[in-house]
């Protein structure tokens, strides 16, 4: 899991890099790519569950960002804008290639080292299936909040809802996961 909790200083650095890019400094975009490459890849990988597809979608995210950066008006933070691009690309990719396999290949590759490892792999598989079964908006909000450690305000911006709606969706997602994991 790659998380990226940004400080106010880091947010200001992102805004400064965007402005430098607009002023003609192409290296400023490279700096943004370096900062967000791993988190974007991790976010997309959780959706598509295929490393090659995730690499391609992460790269397409940055291409789209590069193409749209001149028009980016900074009403949102660069990070939330970039995450929204990645989420939309991942969702479109999944929609276009359904059906999708719900089991993570990494779970199947866990070596049979003992009973504790087997139980852990089984629990991880159950959790992944329960997360996959969540309604799309709840899943998105849960993943952004838990894996990316984003604030509810940022989650709402990326998911296209208010901060309060993000909190409510997160609450319902956690409740559904608890029920699903308890019922099995």
N, C-alpha and C. Protein backbone atom coordinates (compact mmCIF):
# COMPACT_ATOMS: atom_id res chain seq x y z
N UNK A 1 0.85 -1.17 0.00
CA UNK A 1 0.00 0.00 0.00
C UNK A 1 0.90 1.24 0.00
N UNK A 2 0.61 2.11 -0.92
CA UNK A 2 1.34 3.37 -1.01
C UNK A 2 0.36 4.48 -0.65
N UNK A 3 0.65 5.18 0.41
CA UNK A 3 -0.23 6.29 0.77
C UNK A 3 0.55 7.58 0.62
N UNK A 4 -0.19 8.63 0.44
CA UNK A 4 0.46 9.92 0.23
C UNK A 4 -0.36 10.97 0.94
N UNK A 5 0.01 11.23 2.19
CA UNK A 5 -0.65 12.27 2.95
C UNK A 5 0.15 13.54 2.73
N UNK A 6 -0.49 14.54 2.11
CA UNK A 6 0.22 15.76 1.78
C UNK A 6 0.03 16.82 2.84
N UNK A 7 1.09 17.53 3.09
CA UNK A 7 1.02 18.67 3.98
C UNK A 7 0.64 19.90 3.16
N UNK A 8 0.33 20.97 3.85
CA UNK A 8 0.02 22.23 3.18
C UNK A 8 1.20 22.66 2.31
N UNK A 9 2.41 22.48 2.83
CA UNK A 9 3.61 22.84 2.08
C UNK A 9 3.70 22.04 0.78
N UNK A 10 3.40 20.74 0.84
CA UNK A 10 3.45 19.90 -0.36
C UNK A 10 2.36 20.30 -1.36
N UNK A 11 1.19 20.66 -0.86
CA UNK A 11 0.12 21.13 -1.75
C UNK A 11 0.56 22.42 -2.45
N UNK A 12 1.20 23.30 -1.68
CA UNK A 12 1.71 24.55 -2.27
C UNK A 12 2.78 24.26 -3.32
N UNK A 13 3.63 23.26 -3.04
CA UNK A 13 4.66 22.87 -4.01
C UNK A 13 4.01 22.38 -5.29
N UNK A 14 2.93 21.60 -5.17
CA UNK A 14 2.21 21.13 -6.38
C UNK A 14 1.69 22.31 -7.18
N UNK A 15 1.07 23.27 -6.50
CA UNK A 15 0.53 24.45 -7.19
C UNK A 15 1.66 25.23 -7.86
N UNK A 16 2.79 25.34 -7.18
CA UNK A 16 3.94 26.04 -7.75
C UNK A 16 4.47 25.31 -8.98
N UNK A 17 4.49 23.97 -8.93
CA UNK A 17 4.95 23.19 -10.08
C UNK A 17 4.00 23.35 -11.27
N UNK A 18 2.72 23.39 -10.99
CA UNK A 18 1.75 23.61 -12.07
C UNK A 18 2.01 24.96 -12.73
N UNK A 19 2.24 25.97 -11.92
CA UNK A 19 2.51 27.30 -12.48
C UNK A 19 3.83 27.32 -13.25
N UNK A 20 4.84 26.65 -12.75
CA UNK A 20 6.12 26.57 -13.47
C UNK A 20 5.93 25.89 -14.82
N UNK A 21 5.13 24.81 -14.83
CA UNK A 21 4.86 24.11 -16.08
C UNK A 21 4.18 25.04 -17.08
N UNK A 22 3.20 25.77 -16.60
CA UNK A 22 2.47 26.71 -17.48
C UNK A 22 3.39 27.81 -18.02
N UNK A 23 4.42 28.13 -17.24
CA UNK A 23 5.38 29.16 -17.66
C UNK A 23 6.45 28.59 -18.60
N UNK A 24 6.37 27.29 -18.89
CA UNK A 24 7.30 26.70 -19.85
C UNK A 24 8.32 25.74 -19.29
N UNK A 25 8.33 25.52 -17.97
CA UNK A 25 9.29 24.61 -17.35
C UNK A 25 8.73 23.19 -17.40
N UNK A 26 9.11 22.44 -18.41
CA UNK A 26 8.59 21.07 -18.60
C UNK A 26 9.06 20.12 -17.50
N UNK A 27 10.17 20.44 -16.85
CA UNK A 27 10.65 19.59 -15.75
C UNK A 27 9.70 19.60 -14.56
N UNK A 28 8.92 20.66 -14.43
CA UNK A 28 7.98 20.75 -13.31
C UNK A 28 6.95 19.62 -13.37
N UNK A 29 6.52 19.26 -14.58
CA UNK A 29 5.59 18.14 -14.72
C UNK A 29 6.27 16.83 -14.34
N UNK A 30 7.53 16.66 -14.72
CA UNK A 30 8.27 15.46 -14.33
C UNK A 30 8.31 15.31 -12.81
N UNK A 31 8.45 16.41 -12.10
CA UNK A 31 8.45 16.37 -10.64
C UNK A 31 7.10 15.91 -10.10
N UNK A 32 6.02 16.36 -10.72
CA UNK A 32 4.68 15.92 -10.31
C UNK A 32 4.50 14.43 -10.59
N UNK A 33 5.00 13.98 -11.71
CA UNK A 33 4.91 12.55 -12.04
C UNK A 33 5.66 11.74 -10.99
N UNK A 34 6.86 12.15 -10.64
CA UNK A 34 7.64 11.41 -9.64
C UNK A 34 6.90 11.35 -8.30
N UNK A 35 6.25 12.42 -7.92
CA UNK A 35 5.53 12.46 -6.65
C UNK A 35 4.32 11.52 -6.65
N UNK A 36 3.63 11.42 -7.78
CA UNK A 36 2.35 10.71 -7.80
C UNK A 36 2.35 9.39 -8.55
N UNK A 37 3.45 9.01 -9.15
CA UNK A 37 3.49 7.81 -9.97
C UNK A 37 3.09 6.55 -9.18
N UNK A 38 3.68 6.33 -8.04
CA UNK A 38 3.38 5.13 -7.25
C UNK A 38 1.95 5.14 -6.69
N UNK A 39 1.49 6.26 -6.11
CA UNK A 39 0.11 6.26 -5.61
C UNK A 39 -0.93 6.05 -6.71
N UNK A 40 -0.72 6.65 -7.86
CA UNK A 40 -1.67 6.47 -8.97
C UNK A 40 -1.65 5.02 -9.44
N UNK A 41 -0.46 4.45 -9.57
CA UNK A 41 -0.36 3.04 -9.97
C UNK A 41 -1.09 2.15 -8.96
N UNK A 42 -0.87 2.39 -7.66
CA UNK A 42 -1.53 1.57 -6.64
C UNK A 42 -3.04 1.70 -6.68
N UNK A 43 -3.52 2.91 -6.87
CA UNK A 43 -4.96 3.13 -6.95
C UNK A 43 -5.56 2.38 -8.13
N UNK A 44 -4.95 2.51 -9.28
CA UNK A 44 -5.46 1.85 -10.48
C UNK A 44 -5.34 0.34 -10.37
N UNK A 45 -4.25 -0.14 -9.79
CA UNK A 45 -4.05 -1.58 -9.63
C UNK A 45 -5.15 -2.21 -8.78
N UNK A 46 -5.61 -1.50 -7.75
CA UNK A 46 -6.69 -2.04 -6.93
C UNK A 46 -7.97 -2.20 -7.73
N UNK A 47 -8.13 -1.42 -8.78
CA UNK A 47 -9.32 -1.55 -9.63
C UNK A 47 -9.16 -2.66 -10.66
N UNK A 48 -8.07 -2.64 -11.40
CA UNK A 48 -7.96 -3.55 -12.55
C UNK A 48 -7.30 -4.88 -12.21
N UNK A 49 -6.57 -4.94 -11.10
CA UNK A 49 -5.95 -6.17 -10.61
C UNK A 49 -5.02 -6.84 -11.61
N UNK A 50 -4.43 -6.05 -12.48
CA UNK A 50 -3.47 -6.55 -13.45
C UNK A 50 -2.37 -5.52 -13.56
N UNK A 51 -1.14 -5.93 -13.26
CA UNK A 51 -0.03 -4.97 -13.20
C UNK A 51 0.22 -4.28 -14.55
N UNK A 52 0.17 -5.03 -15.64
CA UNK A 52 0.42 -4.42 -16.94
C UNK A 52 -0.66 -3.41 -17.30
N UNK A 53 -1.91 -3.79 -17.06
CA UNK A 53 -3.01 -2.86 -17.34
C UNK A 53 -2.91 -1.63 -16.43
N UNK A 54 -2.54 -1.85 -15.18
CA UNK A 54 -2.41 -0.73 -14.24
C UNK A 54 -1.29 0.21 -14.67
N UNK A 55 -0.18 -0.34 -15.14
CA UNK A 55 0.92 0.51 -15.63
C UNK A 55 0.44 1.35 -16.81
N UNK A 56 -0.28 0.71 -17.73
CA UNK A 56 -0.79 1.42 -18.89
C UNK A 56 -1.77 2.53 -18.47
N UNK A 57 -2.68 2.23 -17.57
CA UNK A 57 -3.66 3.22 -17.13
C UNK A 57 -3.00 4.35 -16.34
N UNK A 58 -2.00 4.03 -15.55
CA UNK A 58 -1.28 5.08 -14.82
C UNK A 58 -0.58 6.01 -15.81
N UNK A 59 0.04 5.43 -16.82
CA UNK A 59 0.70 6.24 -17.83
C UNK A 59 -0.32 7.11 -18.57
N UNK A 60 -1.47 6.53 -18.90
CA UNK A 60 -2.51 7.31 -19.59
C UNK A 60 -3.04 8.43 -18.69
N UNK A 61 -3.06 8.18 -17.38
CA UNK A 61 -3.48 9.23 -16.44
C UNK A 61 -2.56 10.45 -16.57
N UNK A 62 -1.27 10.20 -16.60
CA UNK A 62 -0.32 11.32 -16.69
C UNK A 62 -0.35 11.98 -18.06
N UNK A 63 -0.61 11.21 -19.10
CA UNK A 63 -0.75 11.80 -20.44
C UNK A 63 -1.96 12.73 -20.46
N UNK A 64 -3.07 12.26 -19.90
CA UNK A 64 -4.28 13.11 -19.84
C UNK A 64 -4.02 14.35 -19.00
N UNK A 65 -3.32 14.18 -17.90
CA UNK A 65 -3.02 15.33 -17.04
C UNK A 65 -2.14 16.32 -17.79
N UNK A 66 -1.15 15.81 -18.49
CA UNK A 66 -0.26 16.68 -19.26
C UNK A 66 -1.06 17.46 -20.31
N UNK A 67 -1.95 16.76 -21.00
CA UNK A 67 -2.76 17.40 -22.03
C UNK A 67 -3.72 18.44 -21.44
N UNK A 68 -4.18 18.21 -20.21
CA UNK A 68 -5.16 19.11 -19.62
C UNK A 68 -4.61 20.13 -18.65
N UNK A 69 -3.33 20.08 -18.39
CA UNK A 69 -2.76 20.94 -17.36
C UNK A 69 -2.84 22.42 -17.71
N UNK A 70 -2.75 22.75 -18.96
CA UNK A 70 -2.86 24.16 -19.35
C UNK A 70 -4.24 24.71 -18.96
N UNK A 71 -5.27 23.86 -19.05
CA UNK A 71 -6.62 24.30 -18.73
C UNK A 71 -7.02 24.08 -17.28
N UNK A 72 -6.15 23.47 -16.49
CA UNK A 72 -6.44 23.20 -15.08
C UNK A 72 -6.47 24.53 -14.33
N UNK A 73 -7.60 24.83 -13.71
CA UNK A 73 -7.79 26.13 -13.06
C UNK A 73 -7.59 26.10 -11.55
N UNK A 74 -7.17 25.00 -11.03
CA UNK A 74 -6.86 24.86 -9.61
C UNK A 74 -8.03 25.18 -8.68
N UNK A 75 -9.26 24.89 -9.14
CA UNK A 75 -10.39 24.95 -8.22
C UNK A 75 -10.30 23.78 -7.25
N UNK A 76 -9.69 22.71 -7.70
CA UNK A 76 -9.39 21.56 -6.86
C UNK A 76 -7.87 21.49 -6.74
N UNK A 77 -7.40 20.71 -5.79
CA UNK A 77 -5.96 20.49 -5.69
C UNK A 77 -5.51 19.62 -6.85
N UNK A 78 -4.27 19.77 -7.22
CA UNK A 78 -3.73 18.97 -8.31
C UNK A 78 -3.93 17.49 -8.02
N UNK A 79 -3.63 17.08 -6.79
CA UNK A 79 -3.74 15.67 -6.42
C UNK A 79 -5.15 15.14 -6.64
N UNK A 80 -6.17 15.85 -6.19
CA UNK A 80 -7.54 15.34 -6.35
C UNK A 80 -7.93 15.32 -7.83
N UNK A 81 -7.49 16.30 -8.58
CA UNK A 81 -7.75 16.32 -10.01
C UNK A 81 -7.11 15.12 -10.70
N UNK A 82 -5.86 14.82 -10.34
CA UNK A 82 -5.14 13.69 -10.93
C UNK A 82 -5.80 12.37 -10.54
N UNK A 83 -6.18 12.21 -9.27
CA UNK A 83 -6.83 10.99 -8.82
C UNK A 83 -8.15 10.79 -9.55
N UNK A 84 -8.87 11.87 -9.78
CA UNK A 84 -10.15 11.75 -10.49
C UNK A 84 -9.93 11.25 -11.92
N UNK A 85 -8.89 11.74 -12.58
CA UNK A 85 -8.56 11.24 -13.92
C UNK A 85 -8.28 9.74 -13.85
N UNK A 86 -7.46 9.32 -12.90
CA UNK A 86 -7.10 7.90 -12.77
C UNK A 86 -8.32 7.04 -12.49
N UNK A 87 -9.17 7.48 -11.57
CA UNK A 87 -10.37 6.71 -11.23
C UNK A 87 -11.28 6.59 -12.46
N UNK A 88 -11.47 7.68 -13.17
CA UNK A 88 -12.33 7.62 -14.36
C UNK A 88 -11.76 6.69 -15.42
N UNK A 89 -10.46 6.74 -15.64
CA UNK A 89 -9.85 5.83 -16.61
C UNK A 89 -10.01 4.37 -16.18
N UNK A 90 -9.80 4.10 -14.90
CA UNK A 90 -9.93 2.72 -14.40
C UNK A 90 -11.38 2.24 -14.52
N UNK A 91 -12.33 3.08 -14.16
CA UNK A 91 -13.75 2.69 -14.27
C UNK A 91 -14.13 2.44 -15.72
N UNK A 92 -13.70 3.31 -16.60
CA UNK A 92 -14.00 3.12 -18.03
C UNK A 92 -13.37 1.84 -18.55
N UNK A 93 -12.16 1.57 -18.13
CA UNK A 93 -11.46 0.35 -18.55
C UNK A 93 -12.25 -0.88 -18.10
N UNK A 94 -12.69 -0.89 -16.85
CA UNK A 94 -13.44 -2.03 -16.34
C UNK A 94 -14.78 -2.18 -17.06
N UNK A 95 -15.43 -1.08 -17.28
CA UNK A 95 -16.72 -1.11 -17.98
C UNK A 95 -16.55 -1.70 -19.37
N UNK A 96 -15.48 -1.32 -20.04
CA UNK A 96 -15.26 -1.75 -21.41
C UNK A 96 -14.80 -3.20 -21.53
N UNK A 97 -14.28 -3.76 -20.47
CA UNK A 97 -13.75 -5.13 -20.58
C UNK A 97 -14.46 -6.15 -19.72
N UNK A 98 -15.61 -5.85 -19.16
CA UNK A 98 -16.34 -6.81 -18.33
C UNK A 98 -16.47 -8.12 -19.07
N UNK A 99 -16.57 -9.26 -18.41
CA UNK A 99 -16.56 -9.48 -16.97
C UNK A 99 -15.15 -9.45 -16.41
N UNK A 100 -15.06 -9.29 -15.14
CA UNK A 100 -13.78 -9.12 -14.46
C UNK A 100 -13.60 -10.20 -13.41
N UNK A 101 -12.38 -10.65 -13.24
CA UNK A 101 -12.07 -11.63 -12.22
C UNK A 101 -11.88 -10.90 -10.90
N UNK A 102 -12.53 -11.37 -9.83
CA UNK A 102 -12.52 -10.64 -8.57
C UNK A 102 -11.38 -11.04 -7.64
N UNK A 103 -10.71 -12.13 -7.91
CA UNK A 103 -9.68 -12.60 -6.98
C UNK A 103 -8.34 -12.04 -7.40
N UNK A 104 -7.63 -11.49 -6.46
CA UNK A 104 -6.32 -10.91 -6.69
C UNK A 104 -5.32 -12.03 -6.95
N UNK A 105 -4.56 -11.93 -8.04
CA UNK A 105 -3.57 -12.95 -8.37
C UNK A 105 -2.51 -13.08 -7.29
N UNK A 106 -2.18 -11.98 -6.62
CA UNK A 106 -1.16 -12.03 -5.57
C UNK A 106 -1.60 -12.94 -4.43
N UNK A 107 -2.90 -13.00 -4.16
CA UNK A 107 -3.40 -13.86 -3.09
C UNK A 107 -3.19 -15.32 -3.45
N UNK A 108 -3.46 -15.66 -4.71
CA UNK A 108 -3.29 -17.04 -5.14
C UNK A 108 -1.82 -17.45 -5.12
N UNK A 109 -0.93 -16.48 -5.22
CA UNK A 109 0.50 -16.79 -5.26
C UNK A 109 1.13 -16.90 -3.88
N UNK A 110 0.35 -16.78 -2.82
CA UNK A 110 0.90 -16.90 -1.47
C UNK A 110 1.40 -18.32 -1.26
N UNK A 111 2.65 -18.49 -0.89
CA UNK A 111 3.18 -19.84 -0.74
C UNK A 111 2.57 -20.54 0.47
N UNK A 112 2.34 -21.84 0.35
CA UNK A 112 1.76 -22.60 1.46
C UNK A 112 2.80 -22.85 2.54
N UNK A 113 3.00 -21.88 3.43
CA UNK A 113 4.06 -21.96 4.43
C UNK A 113 3.53 -22.45 5.77
N UNK A 114 2.26 -22.43 5.96
CA UNK A 114 1.70 -22.86 7.23
C UNK A 114 0.26 -22.43 7.34
N UNK A 115 -0.36 -22.93 8.40
CA UNK A 115 -1.77 -22.68 8.62
C UNK A 115 -2.08 -21.19 8.79
N UNK A 116 -1.23 -20.47 9.50
CA UNK A 116 -1.48 -19.04 9.73
C UNK A 116 -1.45 -18.26 8.41
N UNK A 117 -0.51 -18.60 7.53
CA UNK A 117 -0.43 -17.92 6.24
C UNK A 117 -1.64 -18.25 5.38
N UNK A 118 -2.09 -19.50 5.43
CA UNK A 118 -3.25 -19.90 4.66
C UNK A 118 -4.48 -19.14 5.13
N UNK A 119 -4.68 -19.06 6.43
CA UNK A 119 -5.83 -18.32 6.97
C UNK A 119 -5.74 -16.85 6.57
N UNK A 120 -4.54 -16.29 6.63
CA UNK A 120 -4.36 -14.89 6.26
C UNK A 120 -4.72 -14.67 4.79
N UNK A 121 -4.28 -15.55 3.91
CA UNK A 121 -4.60 -15.44 2.49
C UNK A 121 -6.10 -15.59 2.26
N UNK A 122 -6.72 -16.51 2.97
CA UNK A 122 -8.16 -16.71 2.85
C UNK A 122 -8.91 -15.46 3.33
N UNK A 123 -8.46 -14.89 4.43
CA UNK A 123 -9.11 -13.68 4.95
C UNK A 123 -8.93 -12.52 3.98
N UNK A 124 -7.77 -12.40 3.39
CA UNK A 124 -7.53 -11.34 2.42
C UNK A 124 -8.44 -11.51 1.21
N UNK A 125 -8.57 -12.75 0.73
CA UNK A 125 -9.45 -13.03 -0.41
C UNK A 125 -10.89 -12.67 -0.07
N UNK A 126 -11.34 -13.04 1.12
CA UNK A 126 -12.71 -12.71 1.55
C UNK A 126 -12.91 -11.20 1.59
N UNK A 127 -11.93 -10.50 2.12
CA UNK A 127 -12.03 -9.05 2.20
C UNK A 127 -12.07 -8.42 0.80
N UNK A 128 -11.20 -8.88 -0.09
CA UNK A 128 -11.19 -8.35 -1.46
C UNK A 128 -12.51 -8.60 -2.16
N UNK A 129 -13.07 -9.77 -1.97
CA UNK A 129 -14.37 -10.07 -2.58
C UNK A 129 -15.46 -9.19 -1.99
N UNK A 130 -15.41 -8.96 -0.69
CA UNK A 130 -16.41 -8.11 -0.05
C UNK A 130 -16.28 -6.66 -0.55
N UNK A 131 -15.06 -6.19 -0.71
CA UNK A 131 -14.85 -4.83 -1.24
C UNK A 131 -15.34 -4.77 -2.68
N UNK A 132 -15.04 -5.80 -3.48
CA UNK A 132 -15.51 -5.84 -4.87
C UNK A 132 -17.03 -5.81 -4.96
N UNK A 133 -17.71 -6.37 -3.97
CA UNK A 133 -19.17 -6.45 -4.00
C UNK A 133 -19.85 -5.14 -3.57
N UNK A 134 -19.08 -4.20 -3.06
CA UNK A 134 -19.68 -2.92 -2.66
C UNK A 134 -20.20 -2.17 -3.89
N UNK A 135 -21.23 -1.36 -3.69
CA UNK A 135 -21.64 -0.49 -4.79
C UNK A 135 -20.45 0.39 -5.21
N UNK A 136 -20.35 0.73 -6.49
CA UNK A 136 -19.16 1.43 -7.00
C UNK A 136 -18.77 2.68 -6.22
N UNK A 137 -19.71 3.53 -5.88
CA UNK A 137 -19.37 4.77 -5.18
C UNK A 137 -18.84 4.46 -3.78
N UNK A 138 -19.46 3.51 -3.09
CA UNK A 138 -18.99 3.15 -1.75
C UNK A 138 -17.59 2.56 -1.83
N UNK A 139 -17.35 1.73 -2.82
CA UNK A 139 -16.03 1.12 -2.98
C UNK A 139 -14.98 2.20 -3.23
N UNK A 140 -15.28 3.11 -4.13
CA UNK A 140 -14.34 4.19 -4.45
C UNK A 140 -14.02 4.99 -3.20
N UNK A 141 -15.04 5.38 -2.47
CA UNK A 141 -14.84 6.21 -1.28
C UNK A 141 -14.05 5.45 -0.22
N UNK A 142 -14.37 4.19 -0.01
CA UNK A 142 -13.64 3.38 0.97
C UNK A 142 -12.17 3.28 0.58
N UNK A 143 -11.89 2.99 -0.68
CA UNK A 143 -10.50 2.82 -1.11
C UNK A 143 -9.72 4.12 -1.03
N UNK A 144 -10.33 5.22 -1.42
CA UNK A 144 -9.62 6.50 -1.34
C UNK A 144 -9.33 6.88 0.10
N UNK A 145 -10.27 6.61 0.97
CA UNK A 145 -10.10 6.98 2.39
C UNK A 145 -9.09 6.05 3.08
N UNK A 146 -9.22 4.74 2.85
CA UNK A 146 -8.38 3.76 3.56
C UNK A 146 -7.00 3.63 2.92
N UNK A 147 -6.95 3.37 1.64
CA UNK A 147 -5.67 3.11 0.99
C UNK A 147 -4.88 4.38 0.71
N UNK A 148 -5.56 5.42 0.28
CA UNK A 148 -4.86 6.65 -0.08
C UNK A 148 -4.80 7.64 1.08
N UNK A 149 -5.54 7.36 2.14
CA UNK A 149 -5.56 8.19 3.34
C UNK A 149 -5.92 9.64 3.03
N UNK A 150 -6.88 9.81 2.12
CA UNK A 150 -7.33 11.15 1.75
C UNK A 150 -8.37 11.64 2.76
N UNK A 151 -8.48 12.94 2.88
CA UNK A 151 -9.51 13.52 3.75
C UNK A 151 -10.87 13.30 3.09
N UNK A 152 -11.93 13.39 3.89
CA UNK A 152 -13.27 13.23 3.32
C UNK A 152 -13.56 14.33 2.30
N UNK A 153 -13.01 15.50 2.50
CA UNK A 153 -13.19 16.58 1.53
C UNK A 153 -12.59 16.19 0.19
N UNK A 154 -11.36 15.67 0.21
CA UNK A 154 -10.71 15.25 -1.02
C UNK A 154 -11.44 14.06 -1.65
N UNK A 155 -11.87 13.13 -0.83
CA UNK A 155 -12.61 11.97 -1.34
C UNK A 155 -13.87 12.43 -2.04
N UNK A 156 -14.57 13.38 -1.42
CA UNK A 156 -15.79 13.91 -2.03
C UNK A 156 -15.51 14.58 -3.37
N UNK A 157 -14.42 15.33 -3.45
CA UNK A 157 -14.06 15.99 -4.70
C UNK A 157 -13.79 14.96 -5.80
N UNK A 158 -13.06 13.92 -5.47
CA UNK A 158 -12.73 12.89 -6.46
C UNK A 158 -13.97 12.10 -6.86
N UNK A 159 -14.82 11.78 -5.88
CA UNK A 159 -16.01 10.97 -6.14
C UNK A 159 -17.17 11.79 -6.70
N UNK A 160 -17.03 13.10 -6.72
CA UNK A 160 -18.09 13.95 -7.25
C UNK A 160 -19.28 14.09 -6.32
N UNK A 161 -18.99 14.19 -5.03
CA UNK A 161 -20.05 14.37 -4.05
C UNK A 161 -19.56 15.30 -2.94
N UNK A 162 -20.45 15.63 -2.02
CA UNK A 162 -20.06 16.50 -0.91
C UNK A 162 -19.22 15.73 0.11
N UNK A 163 -18.60 16.47 0.98
CA UNK A 163 -17.83 15.85 2.07
C UNK A 163 -18.74 15.00 2.94
N UNK A 164 -19.94 15.51 3.26
CA UNK A 164 -20.87 14.74 4.08
C UNK A 164 -21.34 13.47 3.39
N UNK A 165 -21.60 13.56 2.08
CA UNK A 165 -22.01 12.37 1.33
C UNK A 165 -20.87 11.34 1.33
N UNK A 166 -19.63 11.79 1.26
CA UNK A 166 -18.49 10.88 1.31
C UNK A 166 -18.45 10.17 2.66
N UNK A 167 -18.71 10.90 3.73
CA UNK A 167 -18.73 10.30 5.07
C UNK A 167 -19.83 9.26 5.19
N UNK A 168 -21.02 9.59 4.67
CA UNK A 168 -22.15 8.66 4.74
C UNK A 168 -21.85 7.41 3.92
N UNK A 169 -21.32 7.58 2.71
CA UNK A 169 -20.99 6.42 1.88
C UNK A 169 -19.91 5.56 2.54
N UNK A 170 -18.95 6.19 3.16
CA UNK A 170 -17.90 5.45 3.86
C UNK A 170 -18.50 4.63 5.00
N UNK A 171 -19.38 5.26 5.77
CA UNK A 171 -20.04 4.56 6.88
C UNK A 171 -20.80 3.34 6.36
N UNK A 172 -21.57 3.51 5.29
CA UNK A 172 -22.33 2.39 4.73
C UNK A 172 -21.42 1.30 4.17
N UNK A 173 -20.31 1.70 3.57
CA UNK A 173 -19.36 0.71 3.04
C UNK A 173 -18.77 -0.13 4.16
N UNK A 174 -18.36 0.53 5.24
CA UNK A 174 -17.79 -0.21 6.38
C UNK A 174 -18.84 -1.14 6.98
N UNK A 175 -20.06 -0.65 7.10
CA UNK A 175 -21.14 -1.47 7.64
C UNK A 175 -21.38 -2.70 6.76
N UNK A 176 -21.41 -2.51 5.45
CA UNK A 176 -21.60 -3.65 4.53
C UNK A 176 -20.45 -4.64 4.62
N UNK A 177 -19.22 -4.14 4.74
CA UNK A 177 -18.08 -5.04 4.86
C UNK A 177 -18.16 -5.85 6.14
N UNK A 178 -18.51 -5.20 7.23
CA UNK A 178 -18.64 -5.94 8.49
C UNK A 178 -19.69 -7.03 8.38
N UNK A 179 -20.82 -6.69 7.77
CA UNK A 179 -21.89 -7.69 7.59
C UNK A 179 -21.43 -8.83 6.69
N UNK A 180 -20.79 -8.50 5.60
CA UNK A 180 -20.35 -9.53 4.64
C UNK A 180 -19.30 -10.44 5.27
N UNK A 181 -18.38 -9.88 6.03
CA UNK A 181 -17.33 -10.68 6.62
C UNK A 181 -17.84 -11.48 7.82
N UNK A 182 -18.86 -10.98 8.47
CA UNK A 182 -19.44 -11.68 9.60
C UNK A 182 -20.31 -12.85 9.13
N UNK A 183 -20.99 -12.67 7.98
CA UNK A 183 -21.90 -13.69 7.46
C UNK A 183 -21.18 -14.90 6.90
N UNK A 184 -19.98 -14.72 6.39
CA UNK A 184 -19.25 -15.84 5.75
C UNK A 184 -18.86 -16.93 6.70
